[in-house]
Amino acid sequence: MQLCNLMTRVKRGVAASKRRKNVLKMAKGFRWRRKSNYQAAKEALLKAGKYAHRDRRAKKRTMRGLFILRLNNALRLHGLKYNFFIKTLKDKKIEIDRKVLSRMAMEHPEVFKKFLEGLK
C-alpha cells in the first residue's frame, strides 16, 4: 500500500487568499499601485515598518533636543545657562530628567523658580 493514498489532498488557496487580503488591508491608504497590487503592497509594508522603527528612535532624539531648548530658554530668564545648570544637578546628585524639568518650566514657572532657588 502506498503512503500517498492514505493522505488527504490539501488545498492551500484559502490560506494564501487570506494572507494576500490581509496585506492589502494593511496597505489601505497607500498611493497608486501600492494599495492594490499584492507584490507592491508587501514591499511597501516592509519599508513602512523600517521607516516607522527608525523614526520612533529619531523622535526620541528630536524631543530631547526640544526639551533642552525649552529648558535653556527658561533658565536664561532666570540668569542661568543650561550647561552650568546640568553640571550643578549632577554635582548635587539630583536625577530629574530634562522632560520633567522643561514641563515644570513651561507649565509651573513659580515651582520652577523655587526649584532654582533651592539649587543655589
PDB file of N, CA and C in Angstrom:
ATOM      1  N   MET A   1       0.844  -1.195   0.000  1.00  0.00           N
ATOM      2  CA  MET A   1       0.000   0.000   0.000  1.00  0.00           C
ATOM      3  C   MET A   1       0.884   1.252   0.000  1.00  0.00           C
ATOM      4  N   GLN A   2       0.510   2.215  -0.798  1.00  0.00           N
ATOM      5  CA  GLN A   2       1.335   3.420  -0.905  1.00  0.00           C
ATOM      6  C   GLN A   2       0.912   4.443   0.134  1.00  0.00           C
ATOM      7  N   LEU A   3       1.878   5.225   0.598  1.00  0.00           N
ATOM      8  CA  LEU A   3       1.620   6.231   1.638  1.00  0.00           C
ATOM      9  C   LEU A   3       0.784   7.385   1.117  1.00  0.00           C
ATOM     10  N   CYS A   4       0.982   7.760  -0.124  1.00  0.00           N
ATOM     11  CA  CYS A   4       0.290   8.935  -0.644  1.00  0.00           C
ATOM     12  C   CYS A   4      -1.213   8.706  -0.792  1.00  0.00           C
ATOM     13  N   ASN A   5      -1.667   7.483  -0.858  1.00  0.00           N
ATOM     14  CA  ASN A   5      -3.103   7.210  -0.944  1.00  0.00           C
ATOM     15  C   ASN A   5      -3.804   7.424   0.387  1.00  0.00           C
ATOM     16  N   LEU A   6      -3.055   7.340   1.483  1.00  0.00           N
ATOM     17  CA  LEU A   6      -3.652   7.484   2.808  1.00  0.00           C
ATOM     18  C   LEU A   6      -3.880   8.948   3.169  1.00  0.00           C
ATOM     19  N   MET A   7      -3.080   9.823   2.620  1.00  0.00           N
ATOM     20  CA  MET A   7      -3.177  11.238   2.981  1.00  0.00           C
ATOM     21  C   MET A   7      -4.226  11.940   2.125  1.00  0.00           C
ATOM     22  N   THR A   8      -4.935  12.846   2.754  1.00  0.00           N
ATOM     23  CA  THR A   8      -5.935  13.608   2.013  1.00  0.00           C
ATOM     24  C   THR A   8      -5.262  14.770   1.293  1.00  0.00           C
ATOM     25  N   ARG A   9      -5.924  15.223   0.257  1.00  0.00           N
ATOM     26  CA  ARG A   9      -5.393  16.322  -0.527  1.00  0.00           C
ATOM     27  C   ARG A   9      -5.616  17.643   0.213  1.00  0.00           C
ATOM     28  N   VAL A  10      -4.587  18.472   0.260  1.00  0.00           N
ATOM     29  CA  VAL A  10      -4.679  19.762   0.942  1.00  0.00           C
ATOM     30  C   VAL A  10      -4.734  20.861  -0.105  1.00  0.00           C
ATOM     31  N   LYS A  11      -5.771  21.650  -0.047  1.00  0.00           N
ATOM     32  CA  LYS A  11      -5.888  22.783  -0.963  1.00  0.00           C
ATOM     33  C   LYS A  11      -5.527  24.035  -0.175  1.00  0.00           C
ATOM     34  N   ARG A  12      -4.549  24.791  -0.673  1.00  0.00           N
ATOM     35  CA  ARG A  12      -3.987  25.880   0.110  1.00  0.00           C
ATOM     36  C   ARG A  12      -4.472  27.249  -0.333  1.00  0.00           C
ATOM     37  N   GLY A  13      -5.453  27.308  -1.193  1.00  0.00           N
ATOM     38  CA  GLY A  13      -5.906  28.579  -1.730  1.00  0.00           C
ATOM     39  C   GLY A  13      -6.479  29.513  -0.686  1.00  0.00           C
ATOM     40  N   VAL A  14      -7.163  28.964   0.304  1.00  0.00           N
ATOM     41  CA  VAL A  14      -7.820  29.790   1.322  1.00  0.00           C
ATOM     42  C   VAL A  14      -6.780  30.548   2.154  1.00  0.00           C
ATOM     43  N   ALA A  15      -5.750  29.855   2.591  1.00  0.00           N
ATOM     44  CA  ALA A  15      -4.711  30.487   3.419  1.00  0.00           C
ATOM     45  C   ALA A  15      -3.976  31.568   2.630  1.00  0.00           C
ATOM     46  N   ALA A  16      -3.657  31.266   1.363  1.00  0.00           N
ATOM     47  CA  ALA A  16      -2.940  32.240   0.533  1.00  0.00           C
ATOM     48  C   ALA A  16      -3.810  33.465   0.280  1.00  0.00           C
ATOM     49  N   SER A  17      -5.095  33.226   0.010  1.00  0.00           N
ATOM     50  CA  SER A  17      -6.016  34.354  -0.230  1.00  0.00           C
ATOM     51  C   SER A  17      -6.127  35.224   1.011  1.00  0.00           C
ATOM     52  N   LYS A  18      -6.204  34.569   2.163  1.00  0.00           N
ATOM     53  CA  LYS A  18      -6.315  35.313   3.422  1.00  0.00           C
ATOM     54  C   LYS A  18      -5.070  36.164   3.663  1.00  0.00           C
ATOM     55  N   ARG A  19      -3.902  35.581   3.397  1.00  0.00           N
ATOM     56  CA  ARG A  19      -2.654  36.299   3.592  1.00  0.00           C
ATOM     57  C   ARG A  19      -2.581  37.521   2.672  1.00  0.00           C
ATOM     58  N   ARG A  20      -2.931  37.309   1.400  1.00  0.00           N
ATOM     59  CA  ARG A  20      -2.908  38.424   0.449  1.00  0.00           C
ATOM     60  C   ARG A  20      -3.922  39.496   0.821  1.00  0.00           C
ATOM     61  N   LYS A  21      -5.093  39.057   1.254  1.00  0.00           N
ATOM     62  CA  LYS A  21      -6.144  40.000   1.641  1.00  0.00           C
ATOM     63  C   LYS A  21      -5.700  40.849   2.833  1.00  0.00           C
ATOM     64  N   ASN A  22      -5.034  40.218   3.791  1.00  0.00           N
ATOM     65  CA  ASN A  22      -4.568  40.951   4.978  1.00  0.00           C
ATOM     66  C   ASN A  22      -3.470  41.958   4.630  1.00  0.00           C
ATOM     67  N   VAL A  23      -2.597  41.584   3.710  1.00  0.00           N
ATOM     68  CA  VAL A  23      -1.540  42.509   3.282  1.00  0.00           C
ATOM     69  C   VAL A  23      -2.166  43.722   2.607  1.00  0.00           C
ATOM     70  N   LEU A  24      -3.125  43.469   1.735  1.00  0.00           N
ATOM     71  CA  LEU A  24      -3.782  44.581   1.029  1.00  0.00           C
ATOM     72  C   LEU A  24      -4.600  45.443   2.000  1.00  0.00           C
ATOM     73  N   LYS A  25      -5.142  44.811   3.019  1.00  0.00           N
ATOM     74  CA  LYS A  25      -5.899  45.571   4.021  1.00  0.00           C
ATOM     75  C   LYS A  25      -4.978  46.507   4.800  1.00  0.00           C
ATOM     76  N   MET A  26      -3.766  46.018   5.113  1.00  0.00           N
ATOM     77  CA  MET A  26      -2.805  46.854   5.834  1.00  0.00           C
ATOM     78  C   MET A  26      -2.254  47.970   4.953  1.00  0.00           C
ATOM     79  N   ALA A  27      -2.281  47.772   3.637  1.00  0.00           N
ATOM     80  CA  ALA A  27      -1.758  48.776   2.710  1.00  0.00           C
ATOM     81  C   ALA A  27      -2.821  49.798   2.319  1.00  0.00           C
ATOM     82  N   LYS A  28      -3.937  49.766   2.987  1.00  0.00           N
ATOM     83  CA  LYS A  28      -5.009  50.720   2.687  1.00  0.00           C
ATOM     84  C   LYS A  28      -4.528  52.141   2.955  1.00  0.00           C
ATOM     85  N   GLY A  29      -4.810  53.040   2.043  1.00  0.00           N
ATOM     86  CA  GLY A  29      -4.377  54.417   2.202  1.00  0.00           C
ATOM     87  C   GLY A  29      -3.073  54.719   1.495  1.00  0.00           C
ATOM     88  N   PHE A  30      -2.379  53.681   1.027  1.00  0.00           N
ATOM     89  CA  PHE A  30      -1.168  53.909   0.254  1.00  0.00           C
ATOM     90  C   PHE A  30      -1.569  54.417  -1.127  1.00  0.00           C
ATOM     91  N   ARG A  31      -0.618  54.993  -1.837  1.00  0.00           N
ATOM     92  CA  ARG A  31      -0.940  55.586  -3.134  1.00  0.00           C
ATOM     93  C   ARG A  31      -0.584  54.650  -4.286  1.00  0.00           C
ATOM     94  N   TRP A  32      -1.305  54.853  -5.379  1.00  0.00           N
ATOM     95  CA  TRP A  32      -1.063  54.206  -6.653  1.00  0.00           C
ATOM     96  C   TRP A  32      -1.118  52.682  -6.545  1.00  0.00           C
ATOM     97  N   ARG A  33      -0.140  52.007  -7.148  1.00  0.00           N
ATOM     98  CA  ARG A  33      -0.173  50.545  -7.253  1.00  0.00           C
ATOM     99  C   ARG A  33       0.049  49.878  -5.898  1.00  0.00           C
ATOM    100  N   ARG A  34       0.603  50.596  -4.973  1.00  0.00           N
ATOM    101  CA  ARG A  34       0.989  50.008  -3.687  1.00  0.00           C
ATOM    102  C   ARG A  34      -0.211  49.611  -2.846  1.00  0.00           C
ATOM    103  N   LYS A  35      -1.389  50.148  -3.159  1.00  0.00           N
ATOM    104  CA  LYS A  35      -2.574  49.803  -2.368  1.00  0.00           C
ATOM    105  C   LYS A  35      -3.355  48.627  -2.951  1.00  0.00           C
ATOM    106  N   SER A  36      -3.134  48.314  -4.242  1.00  0.00           N
ATOM    107  CA  SER A  36      -3.977  47.320  -4.884  1.00  0.00           C
ATOM    108  C   SER A  36      -3.212  46.114  -5.426  1.00  0.00           C
ATOM    109  N   ASN A  37      -1.920  46.227  -5.586  1.00  0.00           N
ATOM    110  CA  ASN A  37      -1.114  45.137  -6.108  1.00  0.00           C
ATOM    111  C   ASN A  37      -0.394  44.468  -4.941  1.00  0.00           C
ATOM    112  N   TYR A  38      -0.569  43.138  -4.814  1.00  0.00           N
ATOM    113  CA  TYR A  38      -0.042  42.418  -3.656  1.00  0.00           C
ATOM    114  C   TYR A  38       1.469  42.578  -3.512  1.00  0.00           C
ATOM    115  N   GLN A  39       2.181  42.384  -4.608  1.00  0.00           N
ATOM    116  CA  GLN A  39       3.649  42.432  -4.546  1.00  0.00           C
ATOM    117  C   GLN A  39       4.136  43.820  -4.137  1.00  0.00           C
ATOM    118  N   ALA A  40       3.548  44.847  -4.722  1.00  0.00           N
ATOM    119  CA  ALA A  40       3.946  46.216  -4.390  1.00  0.00           C
ATOM    120  C   ALA A  40       3.540  46.561  -2.958  1.00  0.00           C
ATOM    121  N   ALA A  41       2.357  46.087  -2.538  1.00  0.00           N
ATOM    122  CA  ALA A  41       1.868  46.363  -1.182  1.00  0.00           C
ATOM    123  C   ALA A  41       2.759  45.707  -0.135  1.00  0.00           C
ATOM    124  N   LYS A  42       3.189  44.483  -0.433  1.00  0.00           N
ATOM    125  CA  LYS A  42       4.039  43.753   0.505  1.00  0.00           C
ATOM    126  C   LYS A  42       5.367  44.487   0.716  1.00  0.00           C
ATOM    127  N   GLU A  43       5.961  44.938  -0.387  1.00  0.00           N
ATOM    128  CA  GLU A  43       7.227  45.670  -0.301  1.00  0.00           C
ATOM    129  C   GLU A  43       7.035  47.011   0.413  1.00  0.00           C
ATOM    130  N   ALA A  44       5.920  47.682   0.108  1.00  0.00           N
ATOM    131  CA  ALA A  44       5.635  48.978   0.742  1.00  0.00           C
ATOM    132  C   ALA A  44       5.474  48.818   2.246  1.00  0.00           C
ATOM    133  N   LEU A  45       4.838  47.718   2.662  1.00  0.00           N
ATOM    134  CA  LEU A  45       4.651  47.480   4.102  1.00  0.00           C
ATOM    135  C   LEU A  45       5.985  47.196   4.788  1.00  0.00           C
ATOM    136  N   LEU A  46       6.864  46.463   4.112  1.00  0.00           N
ATOM    137  CA  LEU A  46       8.191  46.204   4.687  1.00  0.00           C
ATOM    138  C   LEU A  46       8.948  47.511   4.906  1.00  0.00           C
ATOM    139  N   LYS A  47       8.920  48.357   3.884  1.00  0.00           N
ATOM    140  CA  LYS A  47       9.618  49.643   4.001  1.00  0.00           C
ATOM    141  C   LYS A  47       8.960  50.531   5.045  1.00  0.00           C
ATOM    142  N   ALA A  48       7.624  50.518   5.081  1.00  0.00           N
ATOM    143  CA  ALA A  48       6.906  51.331   6.067  1.00  0.00           C
ATOM    144  C   ALA A  48       7.286  50.920   7.483  1.00  0.00           C
ATOM    145  N   GLY A  49       7.432  49.602   7.695  1.00  0.00           N
ATOM    146  CA  GLY A  49       7.841  49.107   9.006  1.00  0.00           C
ATOM    147  C   GLY A  49       9.243  49.565   9.378  1.00  0.00           C
ATOM    148  N   LYS A  50      10.146  49.543   8.395  1.00  0.00           N
ATOM    149  CA  LYS A  50      11.520  50.010   8.647  1.00  0.00           C
ATOM    150  C   LYS A  50      11.542  51.488   8.995  1.00  0.00           C
ATOM    151  N   TYR A  51      10.788  52.276   8.219  1.00  0.00           N
ATOM    152  CA  TYR A  51      10.754  53.714   8.468  1.00  0.00           C
ATOM    153  C   TYR A  51      10.128  54.018   9.823  1.00  0.00           C
ATOM    154  N   ALA A  52       9.083  53.285  10.166  1.00  0.00           N
ATOM    155  CA  ALA A  52       8.416  53.515  11.452  1.00  0.00           C
ATOM    156  C   ALA A  52       9.373  53.225  12.601  1.00  0.00           C
ATOM    157  N   HIS A  53      10.121  52.133  12.477  1.00  0.00           N
ATOM    158  CA  HIS A  53      11.078  51.767  13.530  1.00  0.00           C
ATOM    159  C   HIS A  53      12.168  52.822  13.659  1.00  0.00           C
ATOM    160  N   ARG A  54      12.712  53.238  12.498  1.00  0.00           N
ATOM    161  CA  ARG A  54      13.774  54.254  12.503  1.00  0.00           C
ATOM    162  C   ARG A  54      13.280  55.566  13.103  1.00  0.00           C
ATOM    163  N   ASP A  55      12.076  55.965  12.708  1.00  0.00           N
ATOM    164  CA  ASP A  55      11.584  57.279  13.114  1.00  0.00           C
ATOM    165  C   ASP A  55      11.079  57.309  14.555  1.00  0.00           C
ATOM    166  N   ARG A  56      10.727  56.142  15.106  1.00  0.00           N
ATOM    167  CA  ARG A  56      10.419  56.121  16.546  1.00  0.00           C
ATOM    168  C   ARG A  56      11.662  56.476  17.337  1.00  0.00           C
ATOM    169  N   ARG A  57      12.822  55.987  16.874  1.00  0.00           N
ATOM    170  CA  ARG A  57      14.080  56.320  17.547  1.00  0.00           C
ATOM    171  C   ARG A  57      14.438  57.796  17.324  1.00  0.00           C
ATOM    172  N   ALA A  58      14.250  58.265  16.101  1.00  0.00           N
ATOM    173  CA  ALA A  58      14.591  59.656  15.777  1.00  0.00           C
ATOM    174  C   ALA A  58      13.715  60.631  16.555  1.00  0.00           C
ATOM    175  N   LYS A  59      12.463  60.238  16.781  1.00  0.00           N
ATOM    176  CA  LYS A  59      11.526  61.091  17.529  1.00  0.00           C
ATOM    177  C   LYS A  59      12.043  61.345  18.944  1.00  0.00           C
ATOM    178  N   LYS A  60      12.595  60.314  19.549  1.00  0.00           N
ATOM    179  CA  LYS A  60      13.143  60.468  20.902  1.00  0.00           C
ATOM    180  C   LYS A  60      14.286  61.487  20.918  1.00  0.00           C
ATOM    181  N   ARG A  61      15.128  61.443  19.863  1.00  0.00           N
ATOM    182  CA  ARG A  61      16.240  62.393  19.786  1.00  0.00           C
ATOM    183  C   ARG A  61      15.747  63.819  19.606  1.00  0.00           C
ATOM    184  N   THR A  62      14.772  64.009  18.712  1.00  0.00           N
ATOM    185  CA  THR A  62      14.285  65.368  18.461  1.00  0.00           C
ATOM    186  C   THR A  62      13.549  65.915  19.674  1.00  0.00           C
ATOM    187  N   MET A  63      12.820  65.050  20.380  1.00  0.00           N
ATOM    188  CA  MET A  63      12.103  65.514  21.570  1.00  0.00           C
ATOM    189  C   MET A  63      13.090  65.918  22.666  1.00  0.00           C
ATOM    190  N   ARG A  64      14.172  65.169  22.810  1.00  0.00           N
ATOM    191  CA  ARG A  64      15.190  65.533  23.801  1.00  0.00           C
ATOM    192  C   ARG A  64      15.781  66.900  23.475  1.00  0.00           C
ATOM    193  N   GLY A  65      16.033  67.159  22.190  1.00  0.00           N
ATOM    194  CA  GLY A  65      16.534  68.472  21.767  1.00  0.00           C
ATOM    195  C   GLY A  65      15.553  69.578  22.090  1.00  0.00           C
ATOM    196  N   LEU A  66      14.262  69.292  21.905  1.00  0.00           N
ATOM    197  CA  LEU A  66      13.225  70.274  22.220  1.00  0.00           C
ATOM    198  C   LEU A  66      13.179  70.560  23.724  1.00  0.00           C
ATOM    199  N   PHE A  67      13.296  69.498  24.541  1.00  0.00           N
ATOM    200  CA  PHE A  67      13.284  69.690  25.992  1.00  0.00           C
ATOM    201  C   PHE A  67      14.461  70.554  26.431  1.00  0.00           C
ATOM    202  N   ILE A  68      15.622  70.298  25.851  1.00  0.00           N
ATOM    203  CA  ILE A  68      16.822  71.061  26.195  1.00  0.00           C
ATOM    204  C   ILE A  68      16.650  72.526  25.798  1.00  0.00           C
ATOM    205  N   LEU A  69      16.089  72.751  24.615  1.00  0.00           N
ATOM    206  CA  LEU A  69      15.856  74.117  24.130  1.00  0.00           C
ATOM    207  C   LEU A  69      14.917  74.878  25.067  1.00  0.00           C
ATOM    208  N   ARG A  70      13.806  74.244  25.435  1.00  0.00           N
ATOM    209  CA  ARG A  70      12.828  74.889  26.338  1.00  0.00           C
ATOM    210  C   ARG A  70      13.442  75.170  27.696  1.00  0.00           C
ATOM    211  N   LEU A  71      14.196  74.208  28.190  1.00  0.00           N
ATOM    212  CA  LEU A  71      14.830  74.360  29.500  1.00  0.00           C
ATOM    213  C   LEU A  71      15.853  75.483  29.479  1.00  0.00           C
ATOM    214  N   ASN A  72      16.625  75.560  28.422  1.00  0.00           N
ATOM    215  CA  ASN A  72      17.631  76.603  28.291  1.00  0.00           C
ATOM    216  C   ASN A  72      16.972  77.983  28.261  1.00  0.00           C
ATOM    217  N   ASN A  73      15.868  78.108  27.512  1.00  0.00           N
ATOM    218  CA  ASN A  73      15.165  79.392  27.462  1.00  0.00           C
ATOM    219  C   ASN A  73      14.628  79.788  28.829  1.00  0.00           C
ATOM    220  N   ALA A  74      14.067  78.828  29.551  1.00  0.00           N
ATOM    221  CA  ALA A  74      13.537  79.115  30.886  1.00  0.00           C
ATOM    222  C   ALA A  74      14.666  79.503  31.844  1.00  0.00           C
ATOM    223  N   LEU A  75      15.802  78.842  31.721  1.00  0.00           N
ATOM    224  CA  LEU A  75      16.944  79.147  32.594  1.00  0.00           C
ATOM    225  C   LEU A  75      17.511  80.531  32.308  1.00  0.00           C
ATOM    226  N   ARG A  76      17.549  80.914  31.032  1.00  0.00           N
ATOM    227  CA  ARG A  76      18.075  82.238  30.667  1.00  0.00           C
ATOM    228  C   ARG A  76      17.227  83.360  31.254  1.00  0.00           C
ATOM    229  N   LEU A  77      15.912  83.095  31.400  1.00  0.00           N
ATOM    230  CA  LEU A  77      15.043  84.103  32.038  1.00  0.00           C
ATOM    231  C   LEU A  77      15.442  84.334  33.496  1.00  0.00           C
ATOM    232  N   HIS A  78      16.036  83.311  34.103  1.00  0.00           N
ATOM    233  CA  HIS A  78      16.468  83.415  35.498  1.00  0.00           C
ATOM    234  C   HIS A  78      17.973  83.679  35.618  1.00  0.00           C
ATOM    235  N   GLY A  79      18.612  83.979  34.498  1.00  0.00           N
ATOM    236  CA  GLY A  79      20.029  84.347  34.523  1.00  0.00           C
ATOM    237  C   GLY A  79      20.992  83.181  34.641  1.00  0.00           C
ATOM    238  N   LEU A  80      20.570  82.002  34.242  1.00  0.00           N
ATOM    239  CA  LEU A  80      21.450  80.832  34.289  1.00  0.00           C
ATOM    240  C   LEU A  80      21.692  80.306  32.881  1.00  0.00           C
ATOM    241  N   LYS A  81      22.729  79.486  32.748  1.00  0.00           N
ATOM    242  CA  LYS A  81      22.991  78.818  31.481  1.00  0.00           C
ATOM    243  C   LYS A  81      22.731  77.326  31.660  1.00  0.00           C
ATOM    244  N   TYR A  82      22.352  76.705  30.560  1.00  0.00           N
ATOM    245  CA  TYR A  82      21.958  75.292  30.587  1.00  0.00           C
ATOM    246  C   TYR A  82      23.094  74.401  31.083  1.00  0.00           C
ATOM    247  N   ASN A  83      24.309  74.581  30.536  1.00  0.00           N
ATOM    248  CA  ASN A  83      25.402  73.682  30.899  1.00  0.00           C
ATOM    249  C   ASN A  83      25.778  73.811  32.384  1.00  0.00           C
ATOM    250  N   PHE A  84      25.742  75.017  32.911  1.00  0.00           N
ATOM    251  CA  PHE A  84      26.023  75.233  34.340  1.00  0.00           C
ATOM    252  C   PHE A  84      24.948  74.565  35.203  1.00  0.00           C
ATOM    253  N   PHE A  85      23.701  74.692  34.768  1.00  0.00           N
ATOM    254  CA  PHE A  85      22.569  74.111  35.481  1.00  0.00           C
ATOM    255  C   PHE A  85      22.683  72.581  35.551  1.00  0.00           C
ATOM    256  N   ILE A  86      22.983  71.955  34.414  1.00  0.00           N
ATOM    257  CA  ILE A  86      23.097  70.493  34.366  1.00  0.00           C
ATOM    258  C   ILE A  86      24.277  70.019  35.220  1.00  0.00           C
ATOM    259  N   LYS A  87      25.376  70.756  35.171  1.00  0.00           N
ATOM    260  CA  LYS A  87      26.538  70.384  35.996  1.00  0.00           C
ATOM    261  C   LYS A  87      26.204  70.481  37.481  1.00  0.00           C
ATOM    262  N   THR A  88      25.459  71.536  37.864  1.00  0.00           N
ATOM    263  CA  THR A  88      25.052  71.693  39.263  1.00  0.00           C
ATOM    264  C   THR A  88      24.156  70.534  39.698  1.00  0.00           C
ATOM    265  N   LEU A  89      23.231  70.139  38.830  1.00  0.00           N
ATOM    266  CA  LEU A  89      22.358  69.000  39.149  1.00  0.00           C
ATOM    267  C   LEU A  89      23.176  67.730  39.362  1.00  0.00           C
ATOM    268  N   LYS A  90      24.151  67.490  38.484  1.00  0.00           N
ATOM    269  CA  LYS A  90      24.971  66.290  38.603  1.00  0.00           C
ATOM    270  C   LYS A  90      25.833  66.333  39.856  1.00  0.00           C
ATOM    271  N   ASP A  91      26.385  67.514  40.182  1.00  0.00           N
ATOM    272  CA  ASP A  91      27.219  67.649  41.375  1.00  0.00           C
ATOM    273  C   ASP A  91      26.420  67.376  42.643  1.00  0.00           C
ATOM    274  N   LYS A  92      25.162  67.839  42.659  1.00  0.00           N
ATOM    275  CA  LYS A  92      24.315  67.638  43.839  1.00  0.00           C
ATOM    276  C   LYS A  92      23.557  66.305  43.796  1.00  0.00           C
ATOM    277  N   LYS A  93      23.849  65.492  42.743  1.00  0.00           N
ATOM    278  CA  LYS A  93      23.246  64.166  42.570  1.00  0.00           C
ATOM    279  C   LYS A  93      21.711  64.217  42.542  1.00  0.00           C
ATOM    280  N   ILE A  94      21.196  65.202  41.817  1.00  0.00           N
ATOM    281  CA  ILE A  94      19.748  65.312  41.604  1.00  0.00           C
ATOM    282  C   ILE A  94      19.449  64.711  40.239  1.00  0.00           C
ATOM    283  N   GLU A  95      18.635  63.661  40.219  1.00  0.00           N
ATOM    284  CA  GLU A  95      18.353  62.956  38.968  1.00  0.00           C
ATOM    285  C   GLU A  95      16.922  63.243  38.516  1.00  0.00           C
ATOM    286  N   ILE A  96      16.740  64.375  37.886  1.00  0.00           N
ATOM    287  CA  ILE A  96      15.454  64.708  37.264  1.00  0.00           C
ATOM    288  C   ILE A  96      15.738  64.856  35.778  1.00  0.00           C
ATOM    289  N   ASP A  97      14.961  64.165  34.949  1.00  0.00           N
ATOM    290  CA  ASP A  97      15.255  64.221  33.514  1.00  0.00           C
ATOM    291  C   ASP A  97      14.798  65.540  32.899  1.00  0.00           C
ATOM    292  N   ARG A  98      15.293  65.780  31.699  1.00  0.00           N
ATOM    293  CA  ARG A  98      15.061  67.059  31.016  1.00  0.00           C
ATOM    294  C   ARG A  98      13.598  67.257  30.642  1.00  0.00           C
ATOM    295  N   LYS A  99      12.902  66.147  30.403  1.00  0.00           N
ATOM    296  CA  LYS A  99      11.483  66.229  30.058  1.00  0.00           C
ATOM    297  C   LYS A  99      10.690  66.823  31.224  1.00  0.00           C
ATOM    298  N   VAL A 100      10.923  66.320  32.404  1.00  0.00           N
ATOM    299  CA  VAL A 100      10.205  66.795  33.597  1.00  0.00           C
ATOM    300  C   VAL A 100      10.566  68.247  33.880  1.00  0.00           C
ATOM    301  N   LEU A 101      11.852  68.575  33.775  1.00  0.00           N
ATOM    302  CA  LEU A 101      12.299  69.940  34.050  1.00  0.00           C
ATOM    303  C   LEU A 101      11.703  70.937  33.060  1.00  0.00           C
ATOM    304  N   SER A 102      11.665  70.568  31.772  1.00  0.00           N
ATOM    305  CA  SER A 102      11.122  71.505  30.776  1.00  0.00           C
ATOM    306  C   SER A 102       9.614  71.677  30.948  1.00  0.00           C
ATOM    307  N   ARG A 103       8.914  70.590  31.304  1.00  0.00           N
ATOM    308  CA  ARG A 103       7.468  70.719  31.545  1.00  0.00           C
ATOM    309  C   ARG A 103       7.203  71.579  32.773  1.00  0.00           C
ATOM    310  N   MET A 104       8.032  71.405  33.796  1.00  0.00           N
ATOM    311  CA  MET A 104       7.882  72.219  35.004  1.00  0.00           C
ATOM    312  C   MET A 104       8.108  73.688  34.678  1.00  0.00           C
ATOM    313  N   ALA A 105       9.119  73.957  33.863  1.00  0.00           N
ATOM    314  CA  ALA A 105       9.441  75.339  33.497  1.00  0.00           C
ATOM    315  C   ALA A 105       8.323  75.975  32.676  1.00  0.00           C
ATOM    316  N   MET A 106       7.685  75.200  31.823  1.00  0.00           N
ATOM    317  CA  MET A 106       6.633  75.741  30.955  1.00  0.00           C
ATOM    318  C   MET A 106       5.286  75.856  31.668  1.00  0.00           C
ATOM    319  N   GLU A 107       4.903  74.799  32.392  1.00  0.00           N
ATOM    320  CA  GLU A 107       3.551  74.734  32.965  1.00  0.00           C
ATOM    321  C   GLU A 107       3.467  75.309  34.372  1.00  0.00           C
ATOM    322  N   HIS A 108       4.565  75.230  35.121  1.00  0.00           N
ATOM    323  CA  HIS A 108       4.568  75.722  36.511  1.00  0.00           C
ATOM    324  C   HIS A 108       5.813  76.574  36.751  1.00  0.00           C
ATOM    325  N   PRO A 109       5.851  77.790  36.190  1.00  0.00           N
ATOM    326  CA  PRO A 109       7.069  78.606  36.322  1.00  0.00           C
ATOM    327  C   PRO A 109       7.392  78.988  37.765  1.00  0.00           C
ATOM    328  N   GLU A 110       6.380  79.149  38.620  1.00  0.00           N
ATOM    329  CA  GLU A 110       6.644  79.517  40.016  1.00  0.00           C
ATOM    330  C   GLU A 110       7.322  78.371  40.765  1.00  0.00           C
ATOM    331  N   VAL A 111       6.917  77.143  40.486  1.00  0.00           N
ATOM    332  CA  VAL A 111       7.560  75.970  41.097  1.00  0.00           C
ATOM    333  C   VAL A 111       8.993  75.833  40.580  1.00  0.00           C
ATOM    334  N   PHE A 112       9.169  76.087  39.299  1.00  0.00           N
ATOM    335  CA  PHE A 112      10.499  76.012  38.700  1.00  0.00           C
ATOM    336  C   PHE A 112      11.431  77.051  39.319  1.00  0.00           C
ATOM    337  N   LYS A 113      10.898  78.260  39.604  1.00  0.00           N
ATOM    338  CA  LYS A 113      11.697  79.310  40.219  1.00  0.00           C
ATOM    339  C   LYS A 113      12.139  78.901  41.619  1.00  0.00           C
ATOM    340  N   LYS A 114      11.220  78.287  42.388  1.00  0.00           N
ATOM    341  CA  LYS A 114      11.556  77.822  43.727  1.00  0.00           C
ATOM    342  C   LYS A 114      12.612  76.692  43.664  1.00  0.00           C
ATOM    343  N   PHE A 115      12.472  75.850  42.658  1.00  0.00           N
ATOM    344  CA  PHE A 115      13.437  74.774  42.462  1.00  0.00           C
ATOM    345  C   PHE A 115      14.830  75.334  42.208  1.00  0.00           C
ATOM    346  N   LEU A 116      14.902  76.378  41.386  1.00  0.00           N
ATOM    347  CA  LEU A 116      16.190  77.005  41.088  1.00  0.00           C
ATOM    348  C   LEU A 116      16.784  77.702  42.317  1.00  0.00           C
ATOM    349  N   GLU A 117      15.926  78.316  43.121  1.00  0.00           N
ATOM    350  CA  GLU A 117      16.413  78.966  44.355  1.00  0.00           C
ATOM    351  C   GLU A 117      16.963  77.938  45.327  1.00  0.00           C
ATOM    352  N   GLY A 118      16.318  76.789  45.409  1.00  0.00           N
ATOM    353  CA  GLY A 118      16.783  75.727  46.284  1.00  0.00           C
ATOM    354  C   GLY A 118      18.089  75.111  45.799  1.00  0.00           C
ATOM    355  N   LEU A 119      18.362  75.255  44.525  1.00  0.00           N
ATOM    356  CA  LEU A 119      19.566  74.684  43.940  1.00  0.00           C
ATOM    357  C   LEU A 119      20.806  75.515  44.238  1.00  0.00           C
ATOM    358  N   LYS A 120      20.612  76.839  44.424  1.00  0.00           N
ATOM    359  CA  LYS A 120      21.744  77.746  44.613  1.00  0.00           C
ATOM    360  C   LYS A 120      22.360  77.649  45.989  1.00  0.00           C
TER     361      LYS A 120
END
